Amino acid sequence: MSRGFTLLEVLVALAIVALGVLTMVQLSAHGLRLLRTSEDYQEAVRLADHLARAAEPDRERVDTGQQGALRWERRISLMSVPDELTPGAGPKPRLYTVSVAVAWGSRRTLELTSLHAAVETSDGEATESALR
């Protein structure tokens, strides 16, 4: 009758525990990487939304900049409005696309596009509304 464990049984048990601990450490590290990626993506979404809302489309142009680790480009382009969508009399509406691309890291990019409609009033000023 033997009491206790043999050396082989102890080594096998330690190997199983070590494998479990190693797996948990790897899962934890992977979770932290995913959390960081999610934070970067959220920051890029906030910046893209801010840039799209702050755009004042009055002509076609391209703006670029950087905010922290985020690089961005905003393109404002005039779109043609079909004749059947324009009123017969009065001011002709202008439709602009505002495209914002935010890049970070080596291969991460987020793109957001919105439409802005502008109509000239009788006094020559343009009024704008965003169509998102």
N, C-alpha and C. Protein backbone atom coordinates (compact mmCIF):
# COMPACT_ATOMS: atom_id res chain seq x y z
N MET A 1 0.83 -1.16 0.00
CA MET A 1 0.00 0.00 0.00
C MET A 1 0.88 1.24 0.00
N SER A 2 0.66 2.09 -0.98
CA SER A 2 1.51 3.28 -1.04
C SER A 2 0.70 4.50 -0.64
N ARG A 3 1.38 5.39 0.00
CA ARG A 3 0.76 6.64 0.42
C ARG A 3 1.36 7.77 -0.39
N GLY A 4 0.51 8.74 -0.84
CA GLY A 4 1.02 9.89 -1.58
C GLY A 4 1.05 9.64 -3.07
N PHE A 5 1.70 10.57 -3.75
CA PHE A 5 1.75 10.52 -5.20
C PHE A 5 3.18 10.19 -5.64
N THR A 6 3.28 9.61 -6.79
CA THR A 6 4.61 9.34 -7.33
C THR A 6 5.11 10.61 -7.99
N LEU A 7 6.39 10.67 -8.25
CA LEU A 7 6.99 11.83 -8.88
C LEU A 7 6.39 12.06 -10.26
N LEU A 8 6.12 11.02 -10.98
CA LEU A 8 5.53 11.13 -12.32
C LEU A 8 4.14 11.77 -12.25
N GLU A 9 3.34 11.37 -11.29
CA GLU A 9 2.01 11.95 -11.14
C GLU A 9 2.08 13.44 -10.80
N VAL A 10 3.01 13.82 -9.98
CA VAL A 10 3.19 15.23 -9.61
C VAL A 10 3.62 16.05 -10.82
N LEU A 11 4.55 15.51 -11.61
CA LEU A 11 5.02 16.22 -12.81
C LEU A 11 3.89 16.38 -13.83
N VAL A 12 3.07 15.36 -14.02
CA VAL A 12 1.95 15.45 -14.95
C VAL A 12 0.94 16.50 -14.45
N ALA A 13 0.66 16.50 -13.17
CA ALA A 13 -0.27 17.48 -12.60
C ALA A 13 0.27 18.90 -12.77
N LEU A 14 1.57 19.11 -12.53
CA LEU A 14 2.17 20.44 -12.70
C LEU A 14 2.14 20.87 -14.16
N ALA A 15 2.35 19.95 -15.08
CA ALA A 15 2.31 20.28 -16.50
C ALA A 15 0.89 20.71 -16.90
N ILE A 16 -0.12 20.04 -16.39
CA ILE A 16 -1.50 20.40 -16.69
C ILE A 16 -1.83 21.78 -16.12
N VAL A 17 -1.42 22.05 -14.90
CA VAL A 17 -1.67 23.36 -14.28
C VAL A 17 -0.93 24.46 -15.05
N ALA A 18 0.33 24.19 -15.43
CA ALA A 18 1.11 25.19 -16.18
C ALA A 18 0.45 25.48 -17.53
N LEU A 19 -0.05 24.47 -18.19
CA LEU A 19 -0.73 24.66 -19.47
C LEU A 19 -1.99 25.50 -19.28
N GLY A 20 -2.73 25.26 -18.25
CA GLY A 20 -3.93 26.05 -17.96
C GLY A 20 -3.60 27.50 -17.66
N VAL A 21 -2.57 27.74 -16.85
CA VAL A 21 -2.16 29.11 -16.51
C VAL A 21 -1.68 29.84 -17.76
N LEU A 22 -0.88 29.16 -18.59
CA LEU A 22 -0.39 29.76 -19.83
C LEU A 22 -1.54 30.14 -20.75
N THR A 23 -2.52 29.28 -20.85
CA THR A 23 -3.69 29.57 -21.69
C THR A 23 -4.44 30.80 -21.16
N MET A 24 -4.61 30.89 -19.86
CA MET A 24 -5.31 32.04 -19.28
C MET A 24 -4.53 33.34 -19.51
N VAL A 25 -3.22 33.31 -19.42
CA VAL A 25 -2.41 34.50 -19.66
C VAL A 25 -2.54 34.94 -21.12
N GLN A 26 -2.51 33.98 -22.04
CA GLN A 26 -2.66 34.32 -23.46
C GLN A 26 -4.04 34.90 -23.75
N LEU A 27 -5.07 34.33 -23.17
CA LEU A 27 -6.42 34.87 -23.36
C LEU A 27 -6.54 36.28 -22.80
N SER A 28 -5.93 36.51 -21.67
CA SER A 28 -5.95 37.84 -21.07
C SER A 28 -5.23 38.85 -21.96
N ALA A 29 -4.08 38.50 -22.49
CA ALA A 29 -3.33 39.39 -23.37
C ALA A 29 -4.12 39.67 -24.65
N HIS A 30 -4.76 38.66 -25.19
CA HIS A 30 -5.58 38.84 -26.39
C HIS A 30 -6.77 39.77 -26.10
N GLY A 31 -7.38 39.61 -24.96
CA GLY A 31 -8.48 40.49 -24.55
C GLY A 31 -8.04 41.94 -24.42
N LEU A 32 -6.85 42.16 -23.89
CA LEU A 32 -6.34 43.52 -23.77
C LEU A 32 -6.06 44.13 -25.14
N ARG A 33 -5.54 43.32 -26.08
CA ARG A 33 -5.31 43.82 -27.44
C ARG A 33 -6.64 44.20 -28.10
N LEU A 34 -7.67 43.38 -27.92
CA LEU A 34 -8.98 43.69 -28.49
C LEU A 34 -9.58 44.94 -27.86
N LEU A 35 -9.36 45.12 -26.57
CA LEU A 35 -9.86 46.32 -25.89
C LEU A 35 -9.19 47.57 -26.45
N ARG A 36 -7.89 47.51 -26.68
CA ARG A 36 -7.16 48.65 -27.24
C ARG A 36 -7.66 48.96 -28.66
N THR A 37 -7.87 47.92 -29.46
CA THR A 37 -8.38 48.12 -30.83
C THR A 37 -9.75 48.76 -30.79
N SER A 38 -10.59 48.33 -29.88
CA SER A 38 -11.93 48.90 -29.73
C SER A 38 -11.86 50.37 -29.32
N GLU A 39 -10.97 50.71 -28.41
CA GLU A 39 -10.81 52.10 -27.99
C GLU A 39 -10.35 52.97 -29.15
N ASP A 40 -9.38 52.48 -29.94
CA ASP A 40 -8.91 53.22 -31.10
C ASP A 40 -10.03 53.44 -32.11
N TYR A 41 -10.83 52.41 -32.34
CA TYR A 41 -11.94 52.51 -33.29
C TYR A 41 -12.97 53.52 -32.81
N GLN A 42 -13.29 53.50 -31.52
CA GLN A 42 -14.25 54.46 -30.96
C GLN A 42 -13.75 55.89 -31.11
N GLU A 43 -12.47 56.10 -30.87
CA GLU A 43 -11.89 57.43 -31.01
C GLU A 43 -11.95 57.88 -32.47
N ALA A 44 -11.69 56.97 -33.40
CA ALA A 44 -11.77 57.30 -34.83
C ALA A 44 -13.20 57.64 -35.24
N VAL A 45 -14.18 56.92 -34.71
CA VAL A 45 -15.59 57.20 -35.02
C VAL A 45 -15.97 58.58 -34.51
N ARG A 46 -15.56 58.91 -33.29
CA ARG A 46 -15.88 60.23 -32.73
C ARG A 46 -15.26 61.35 -33.58
N LEU A 47 -14.00 61.17 -33.98
CA LEU A 47 -13.34 62.19 -34.79
C LEU A 47 -14.01 62.32 -36.16
N ALA A 48 -14.32 61.21 -36.81
CA ALA A 48 -14.97 61.24 -38.13
C ALA A 48 -16.33 61.93 -38.03
N ASP A 49 -17.10 61.61 -37.02
CA ASP A 49 -18.41 62.24 -36.84
C ASP A 49 -18.26 63.74 -36.62
N HIS A 50 -17.31 64.13 -35.80
CA HIS A 50 -17.09 65.56 -35.53
C HIS A 50 -16.69 66.29 -36.82
N LEU A 51 -15.78 65.70 -37.59
CA LEU A 51 -15.33 66.34 -38.83
C LEU A 51 -16.46 66.45 -39.86
N ALA A 52 -17.31 65.42 -39.93
CA ALA A 52 -18.43 65.46 -40.87
C ALA A 52 -19.45 66.51 -40.45
N ARG A 53 -19.72 66.61 -39.17
CA ARG A 53 -20.70 67.60 -38.69
C ARG A 53 -20.17 69.03 -38.80
N ALA A 54 -18.86 69.20 -38.63
CA ALA A 54 -18.27 70.54 -38.66
C ALA A 54 -18.05 71.05 -40.09
N ALA A 55 -18.24 70.21 -41.08
CA ALA A 55 -18.02 70.62 -42.47
C ALA A 55 -19.06 71.65 -42.89
N GLU A 56 -18.59 72.66 -43.57
CA GLU A 56 -19.49 73.68 -44.13
C GLU A 56 -19.31 73.64 -45.64
N PRO A 57 -20.07 72.79 -46.31
CA PRO A 57 -19.87 72.64 -47.75
C PRO A 57 -20.37 73.85 -48.53
N ASP A 58 -19.44 74.58 -49.09
CA ASP A 58 -19.78 75.70 -49.96
C ASP A 58 -19.07 75.57 -51.30
N ARG A 59 -18.08 74.70 -51.35
CA ARG A 59 -17.33 74.42 -52.57
C ARG A 59 -16.62 73.08 -52.40
N GLU A 60 -16.13 72.54 -53.50
CA GLU A 60 -15.40 71.28 -53.43
C GLU A 60 -14.01 71.54 -52.87
N ARG A 61 -13.56 70.65 -51.98
CA ARG A 61 -12.22 70.80 -51.41
C ARG A 61 -11.82 69.53 -50.68
N VAL A 62 -10.54 69.45 -50.33
CA VAL A 62 -9.99 68.35 -49.55
C VAL A 62 -9.22 68.95 -48.39
N ASP A 63 -9.56 68.54 -47.18
CA ASP A 63 -8.85 68.98 -45.97
C ASP A 63 -8.17 67.77 -45.36
N THR A 64 -6.99 67.96 -44.83
CA THR A 64 -6.29 66.87 -44.15
C THR A 64 -5.76 67.38 -42.81
N GLY A 65 -5.48 66.46 -41.93
CA GLY A 65 -4.93 66.83 -40.64
C GLY A 65 -4.58 65.61 -39.82
N GLN A 66 -4.16 65.88 -38.62
CA GLN A 66 -3.81 64.81 -37.68
C GLN A 66 -4.22 65.25 -36.29
N GLN A 67 -4.78 64.31 -35.56
CA GLN A 67 -5.15 64.55 -34.17
C GLN A 67 -4.61 63.39 -33.36
N GLY A 68 -3.56 63.63 -32.63
CA GLY A 68 -2.90 62.54 -31.91
C GLY A 68 -2.34 61.53 -32.88
N ALA A 69 -2.70 60.28 -32.68
CA ALA A 69 -2.23 59.21 -33.58
C ALA A 69 -3.14 59.03 -34.79
N LEU A 70 -4.22 59.80 -34.86
CA LEU A 70 -5.19 59.65 -35.95
C LEU A 70 -4.89 60.64 -37.08
N ARG A 71 -4.78 60.11 -38.29
CA ARG A 71 -4.63 60.93 -39.49
C ARG A 71 -5.99 60.97 -40.19
N TRP A 72 -6.41 62.14 -40.68
CA TRP A 72 -7.72 62.22 -41.31
C TRP A 72 -7.67 63.02 -42.61
N GLU A 73 -8.66 62.72 -43.43
CA GLU A 73 -8.85 63.44 -44.69
C GLU A 73 -10.35 63.62 -44.89
N ARG A 74 -10.75 64.87 -45.19
CA ARG A 74 -12.16 65.17 -45.44
C ARG A 74 -12.28 65.68 -46.87
N ARG A 75 -13.14 65.01 -47.67
CA ARG A 75 -13.38 65.41 -49.06
C ARG A 75 -14.82 65.90 -49.18
N ILE A 76 -14.95 67.10 -49.72
CA ILE A 76 -16.27 67.66 -49.99
C ILE A 76 -16.41 67.74 -51.50
N SER A 77 -17.43 67.06 -52.04
CA SER A 77 -17.63 67.00 -53.49
C SER A 77 -19.05 67.40 -53.82
N LEU A 78 -19.19 68.14 -54.90
CA LEU A 78 -20.51 68.55 -55.38
C LEU A 78 -21.09 67.42 -56.22
N MET A 79 -22.32 67.05 -55.93
CA MET A 79 -23.01 66.01 -56.70
C MET A 79 -24.03 66.68 -57.62
N SER A 80 -24.28 66.06 -58.73
CA SER A 80 -25.30 66.60 -59.62
C SER A 80 -26.68 66.18 -59.10
N VAL A 81 -27.61 67.09 -59.19
CA VAL A 81 -28.98 66.82 -58.77
C VAL A 81 -29.81 66.62 -60.04
N PRO A 82 -30.49 65.49 -60.17
CA PRO A 82 -31.30 65.25 -61.37
C PRO A 82 -32.36 66.34 -61.55
N ASP A 83 -32.64 66.66 -62.80
CA ASP A 83 -33.60 67.73 -63.10
C ASP A 83 -34.98 67.46 -62.51
N GLU A 84 -35.38 66.18 -62.47
CA GLU A 84 -36.72 65.88 -61.93
C GLU A 84 -36.81 66.12 -60.42
N LEU A 85 -35.68 66.29 -59.76
CA LEU A 85 -35.70 66.56 -58.32
C LEU A 85 -35.54 68.04 -58.00
N THR A 86 -35.38 68.87 -59.01
CA THR A 86 -35.24 70.30 -58.78
C THR A 86 -36.55 71.00 -59.09
N PRO A 87 -36.86 72.03 -58.34
CA PRO A 87 -38.11 72.75 -58.61
C PRO A 87 -37.98 73.54 -59.90
N GLY A 88 -39.12 73.75 -60.55
CA GLY A 88 -39.12 74.49 -61.82
C GLY A 88 -38.72 75.94 -61.62
N ALA A 89 -39.22 76.55 -60.57
CA ALA A 89 -38.90 77.95 -60.29
C ALA A 89 -38.20 78.02 -58.94
N GLY A 90 -37.47 79.05 -58.75
CA GLY A 90 -36.80 79.24 -57.48
C GLY A 90 -35.36 78.76 -57.51
N PRO A 91 -34.75 78.76 -56.35
CA PRO A 91 -33.33 78.41 -56.29
C PRO A 91 -33.10 76.91 -56.54
N LYS A 92 -32.00 76.62 -57.17
CA LYS A 92 -31.65 75.22 -57.45
C LYS A 92 -30.84 74.68 -56.26
N PRO A 93 -31.21 73.52 -55.76
CA PRO A 93 -30.46 72.97 -54.62
C PRO A 93 -29.10 72.44 -55.06
N ARG A 94 -28.16 72.49 -54.14
CA ARG A 94 -26.84 71.91 -54.36
C ARG A 94 -26.68 70.78 -53.35
N LEU A 95 -26.18 69.65 -53.82
CA LEU A 95 -26.00 68.48 -52.97
C LEU A 95 -24.52 68.16 -52.89
N TYR A 96 -24.00 68.11 -51.67
CA TYR A 96 -22.59 67.82 -51.45
C TYR A 96 -22.43 66.50 -50.72
N THR A 97 -21.41 65.73 -51.08
CA THR A 97 -21.03 64.57 -50.27
C THR A 97 -19.84 64.98 -49.42
N VAL A 98 -19.90 64.61 -48.17
CA VAL A 98 -18.79 64.86 -47.25
C VAL A 98 -18.28 63.49 -46.83
N SER A 99 -17.08 63.15 -47.28
CA SER A 99 -16.46 61.86 -46.96
C SER A 99 -15.28 62.11 -46.05
N VAL A 100 -15.28 61.42 -44.92
CA VAL A 100 -14.18 61.54 -43.95
C VAL A 100 -13.53 60.18 -43.81
N ALA A 101 -12.21 60.14 -43.99
CA ALA A 101 -11.43 58.91 -43.78
C ALA A 101 -10.47 59.17 -42.63
N VAL A 102 -10.50 58.29 -41.64
CA VAL A 102 -9.60 58.39 -40.49
C VAL A 102 -8.74 57.13 -40.48
N ALA A 103 -7.42 57.31 -40.37
CA ALA A 103 -6.49 56.18 -40.37
C ALA A 103 -5.65 56.22 -39.10
N TRP A 104 -5.32 55.05 -38.59
CA TRP A 104 -4.44 54.94 -37.43
C TRP A 104 -3.71 53.61 -37.52
N GLY A 105 -2.60 53.53 -36.84
CA GLY A 105 -1.82 52.30 -36.90
C GLY A 105 -1.28 52.07 -38.30
N SER A 106 -0.95 50.84 -38.59
CA SER A 106 -0.37 50.56 -39.90
C SER A 106 -1.42 50.27 -40.96
N ARG A 107 -2.56 49.66 -40.57
CA ARG A 107 -3.55 49.28 -41.58
C ARG A 107 -4.99 49.53 -41.15
N ARG A 108 -5.21 50.34 -40.18
CA ARG A 108 -6.58 50.58 -39.70
C ARG A 108 -7.13 51.85 -40.35
N THR A 109 -8.33 51.74 -40.91
CA THR A 109 -8.99 52.89 -41.56
C THR A 109 -10.49 52.83 -41.32
N LEU A 110 -11.08 53.99 -41.12
CA LEU A 110 -12.52 54.13 -40.96
C LEU A 110 -12.98 55.20 -41.95
N GLU A 111 -14.07 54.94 -42.66
CA GLU A 111 -14.61 55.92 -43.60
C GLU A 111 -16.07 56.20 -43.27
N LEU A 112 -16.43 57.47 -43.34
CA LEU A 112 -17.80 57.90 -43.06
C LEU A 112 -18.20 58.87 -44.16
N THR A 113 -19.38 58.70 -44.72
CA THR A 113 -19.86 59.59 -45.78
C THR A 113 -21.25 60.09 -45.42
N SER A 114 -21.48 61.37 -45.64
CA SER A 114 -22.80 61.94 -45.41
C SER A 114 -23.13 62.89 -46.56
N LEU A 115 -24.39 63.22 -46.67
CA LEU A 115 -24.86 64.15 -47.70
C LEU A 115 -25.30 65.45 -47.04
N HIS A 116 -24.98 66.56 -47.69
CA HIS A 116 -25.40 67.87 -47.21
C HIS A 116 -26.08 68.58 -48.37
N ALA A 117 -27.25 69.12 -48.12
CA ALA A 117 -27.97 69.87 -49.15
C ALA A 117 -27.90 71.35 -48.81
N ALA A 118 -27.62 72.15 -49.81
CA ALA A 118 -27.57 73.60 -49.63
C ALA A 118 -28.45 74.24 -50.69
N VAL A 119 -29.23 75.24 -50.29
CA VAL A 119 -30.10 75.97 -51.21
C VAL A 119 -29.84 77.45 -50.98
N GLU A 120 -29.66 78.17 -52.08
CA GLU A 120 -29.47 79.61 -51.96
C GLU A 120 -30.81 80.28 -51.71
N THR A 121 -30.81 81.17 -50.74
CA THR A 121 -32.03 81.93 -50.44
C THR A 121 -32.09 83.14 -51.37
N SER A 122 -33.13 83.90 -51.27
CA SER A 122 -33.32 85.05 -52.16
C SER A 122 -32.26 86.13 -51.94
N ASP A 123 -31.67 86.20 -50.74
CA ASP A 123 -30.64 87.21 -50.48
C ASP A 123 -29.23 86.72 -50.83
N GLY A 124 -29.11 85.54 -51.46
CA GLY A 124 -27.82 85.05 -51.94
C GLY A 124 -27.07 84.18 -50.96
N GLU A 125 -27.57 84.06 -49.73
CA GLU A 125 -26.89 83.21 -48.75
C GLU A 125 -27.37 81.78 -48.91
N ALA A 126 -26.49 80.85 -48.58
CA ALA A 126 -26.83 79.43 -48.71
C ALA A 126 -27.27 78.91 -47.35
N THR A 127 -28.37 78.18 -47.36
CA THR A 127 -28.79 77.48 -46.15
C THR A 127 -28.46 76.02 -46.36
N GLU A 128 -28.10 75.36 -45.29
CA GLU A 128 -27.63 73.97 -45.41
C GLU A 128 -28.40 73.08 -44.46
N SER A 129 -28.57 71.84 -44.89
CA SER A 129 -29.11 70.81 -44.00
C SER A 129 -28.36 69.54 -44.27
N ALA A 130 -28.13 68.77 -43.23
CA ALA A 130 -27.37 67.53 -43.39
C ALA A 130 -28.33 66.36 -43.54
N LEU A 131 -28.05 65.50 -44.47
CA LEU A 131 -28.83 64.28 -44.68
C LEU A 131 -27.93 63.12 -44.33
N ARG A 132 -28.20 62.43 -43.24
CA ARG A 132 -27.30 61.36 -42.80
C ARG A 132 -28.02 60.05 -42.85
